[in-house]
Protein backbone atom coordinates (compact mmCIF):
# COMPACT_ATOMS: atom_id res chain seq x y z
CA MET A 1 5.92 -3.25 -8.08
CA LYS A 2 4.28 -5.60 -10.51
CA LYS A 3 0.69 -6.42 -9.65
CA SER A 4 1.57 -10.13 -9.81
CA MET A 5 3.56 -9.67 -6.56
CA LEU A 6 0.25 -9.61 -4.68
CA ASP A 7 0.32 -13.41 -4.91
CA ILE A 8 3.33 -13.58 -2.55
CA LEU A 9 2.89 -10.57 -0.23
CA ALA A 10 1.45 -10.87 3.28
CA CYS A 11 1.25 -8.45 6.18
CA PRO A 12 4.57 -8.57 8.06
CA ILE A 13 2.80 -7.95 11.38
CA ASP A 14 0.09 -10.62 11.43
CA LYS A 15 0.89 -12.62 8.25
CA HIS A 16 -2.60 -11.95 6.82
CA TYR A 17 -3.01 -12.78 3.13
CA PRO A 18 -4.13 -11.45 0.69
CA LEU A 19 -3.54 -7.73 1.03
CA GLU A 20 -5.85 -5.27 -0.68
CA LEU A 21 -4.25 -3.07 -3.32
CA PHE A 22 -5.19 0.53 -4.03
CA GLU A 23 -3.55 1.65 -7.28
CA LEU A 24 -2.77 5.36 -7.31
CA ASP A 25 -0.31 5.58 -10.18
CA ALA A 26 -0.05 2.56 -12.46
CA ARG A 27 0.82 1.62 -16.02
CA LEU A 28 0.32 -1.50 -18.11
CA GLU A 29 3.52 -3.17 -19.32
CA GLY A 30 2.13 -6.18 -21.11
CA GLY A 31 -1.05 -7.84 -22.17
CA THR A 32 -2.61 -8.83 -18.84
CA ALA A 33 -3.65 -7.09 -15.63
CA ASN A 34 -0.86 -8.91 -13.76
CA ASP A 35 1.63 -7.06 -15.99
CA THR A 36 0.50 -3.75 -14.47
CA VAL A 37 3.30 -1.88 -12.71
CA ILE A 38 2.23 0.08 -9.64
CA GLY A 39 4.29 3.27 -9.33
CA ASP A 40 2.44 4.57 -6.25
CA GLY A 41 -0.20 2.79 -4.23
CA ILE A 42 -1.22 1.33 -0.90
CA LEU A 43 -1.31 -2.24 0.35
CA PHE A 44 -3.93 -2.67 3.09
CA CYS A 45 -4.30 -5.48 5.65
CA HIS A 46 -7.92 -6.12 6.64
CA LYS A 47 -6.92 -8.01 9.78
CA CYS A 48 -4.86 -5.29 11.54
CA SER A 49 -5.91 -2.26 9.41
CA ARG A 50 -2.30 -1.42 8.60
CA PHE A 51 -1.39 0.22 5.34
CA TYR A 52 1.90 -0.07 3.51
CA PRO A 53 2.77 2.55 0.90
CA ILE A 54 4.13 1.68 -2.51
CA VAL A 55 6.53 4.47 -3.47
CA ASP A 56 8.34 4.58 -6.82
CA GLU A 57 7.36 0.93 -7.47
CA ILE A 58 8.71 -0.29 -4.09
CA PRO A 59 6.36 -1.62 -1.38
CA VAL A 60 7.52 -0.27 1.99
CA MET A 61 6.54 -3.06 4.39
CA LEU A 62 8.45 -2.27 7.57
CA PRO A 63 7.46 -2.86 11.20
CA ASP A 64 5.92 0.18 12.90
CA GLU A 65 9.06 1.19 14.80
CA LEU A 66 11.07 1.49 11.55
CA ARG A 67 8.50 3.49 9.61
CA GLU A 68 8.93 7.21 8.94
CA MET A 69 5.77 8.88 10.17
CA GLN A 70 6.29 12.26 8.47
CA SER A 71 6.94 10.83 5.00
CA GLU A 72 3.95 8.48 5.25
CA ILE A 73 1.65 11.29 6.44
CA GLU A 74 2.80 13.36 3.45
CA PHE A 75 2.09 10.38 1.17
CA LEU A 76 -1.44 10.06 2.62
CA GLN A 77 -2.06 13.79 2.20
CA LYS A 78 -0.88 13.68 -1.41
CA TRP A 79 -3.29 10.86 -2.32
CA LYS A 80 -6.16 11.48 0.14
CA ASN A 81 -8.67 12.11 -2.65
CA LYS A 82 -8.01 8.66 -4.17
CA LEU A 83 -7.86 6.58 -0.99
CA PRO A 84 -10.79 5.16 1.00
CA ASP A 85 -11.62 6.37 4.52
CA LYS A 86 -10.47 3.10 6.06
CA VAL A 87 -6.91 4.06 5.11
CA ILE A 88 -7.08 7.86 5.53
CA LYS A 89 -9.03 8.02 8.81
CA TYR A 90 -8.48 4.66 10.46
CA GLY A 91 -5.31 3.11 9.01
CA ASN A 92 -2.56 1.93 11.33
CA PRO A 93 0.00 2.83 12.51
CA TRP A 94 -1.14 6.44 11.86
CA HIS A 95 -3.75 8.30 9.87
CA LEU A 96 -4.89 11.81 8.97
């Protein structure tokens, strides 16, 4: 996902904008910060405390009932040392 996509993304649950981005694996593909490509990361909604993983450059922004709990828990465990407590301990729909 290019960092510039933050300008158009909102939480699919409550439509809150803007979402907070936590870059876990990123690379610069141009001259500006908006040219940064996020390989892995988290989008976080401050209104409902939901997180949405970015996996292999794709933001996974599904409603709760369509999300895969086990794969997202594994994602959180993989990156727990780089993520803030508000995502790891209190993030919706599940947390560590």
